Amino acid sequence: MKSSTKDQAEGTFHKVKGKIKEVAGKVSMNADLEAAGKEEKLAGKVQEKIGELEKVLGK
């Protein structure tokens, strides 16, 4: 698997995982879990964009 495809797939996974944590934190009124979810979701978006950039650059 190309690194760009791998980064995009892992980024999407982390975005979904972060969203789940964020919602779980809201439901359980756990601010720490909600913040961790937002952080992971953002990291997933960044990783996904890196994968897209690698794909454009041909790496």
Protein backbone atom coordinates (compact mmCIF):
# COMPACT_ATOMS: atom_id res chain seq x y z
CA MET A 1 0.00 0.00 0.00
CA LYS A 2 1.34 3.43 -0.92
CA SER A 3 2.14 5.73 1.97
CA SER A 4 -0.33 8.33 0.68
CA THR A 5 -3.17 5.80 0.68
CA LYS A 6 -2.11 4.52 4.08
CA ASP A 7 -2.06 8.06 5.53
CA GLN A 8 -5.51 8.79 4.11
CA ALA A 9 -6.94 5.54 5.50
CA GLU A 10 -5.39 6.03 8.94
CA GLY A 11 -6.51 9.67 8.95
CA THR A 12 -10.08 8.67 8.24
CA PHE A 13 -9.91 6.02 10.97
CA HIS A 14 -8.67 8.57 13.52
CA LYS A 15 -11.34 11.10 12.48
CA VAL A 16 -14.09 8.53 13.07
CA LYS A 17 -12.54 7.31 16.33
CA GLY A 18 -12.20 10.92 17.52
CA LYS A 19 -15.83 11.69 16.68
CA ILE A 20 -16.96 8.65 18.67
CA LYS A 21 -14.89 9.76 21.68
CA GLU A 22 -16.23 13.30 21.36
CA VAL A 23 -19.85 12.15 21.34
CA ALA A 24 -19.23 9.70 24.20
CA GLY A 25 -17.68 12.54 26.19
CA LYS A 26 -20.69 14.78 25.57
CA VAL A 27 -23.17 12.06 26.51
CA SER A 28 -21.31 11.10 29.67
CA MET A 29 -20.51 14.76 30.49
CA ASN A 30 -16.80 13.88 30.54
CA ALA A 31 -14.96 16.98 29.36
CA ASP A 32 -11.60 15.17 29.21
CA LEU A 33 -12.93 12.45 26.89
CA GLU A 34 -14.65 15.04 24.72
CA ALA A 35 -11.43 17.05 24.42
CA ALA A 36 -9.43 13.92 23.61
CA GLY A 37 -11.94 13.10 20.89
CA LYS A 38 -11.67 16.55 19.35
CA GLU A 39 -7.88 16.31 19.45
CA GLU A 40 -7.84 12.89 17.77
CA LYS A 41 -10.34 14.03 15.15
CA LEU A 42 -8.13 17.01 14.30
CA ALA A 43 -5.04 14.79 14.11
CA GLY A 44 -6.94 12.51 11.74
CA LYS A 45 -7.82 15.44 9.48
CA VAL A 46 -4.18 16.51 9.37
CA GLN A 47 -2.99 12.99 8.55
CA GLU A 48 -5.63 12.66 5.85
CA LYS A 49 -4.48 15.95 4.26
CA ILE A 50 -0.86 14.77 4.36
CA GLY A 51 -1.93 11.66 2.45
CA GLU A 52 -3.71 13.80 -0.14
CA LEU A 53 -0.66 16.01 -0.51
CA GLU A 54 1.63 12.99 -0.95
CA LYS A 55 -0.71 11.66 -3.62
CA VAL A 56 -0.57 14.97 -5.52
CA LEU A 57 3.21 15.10 -5.25
CA GLY A 58 3.47 11.50 -6.40
CA LYS A 59 5.09 10.00 -3.31
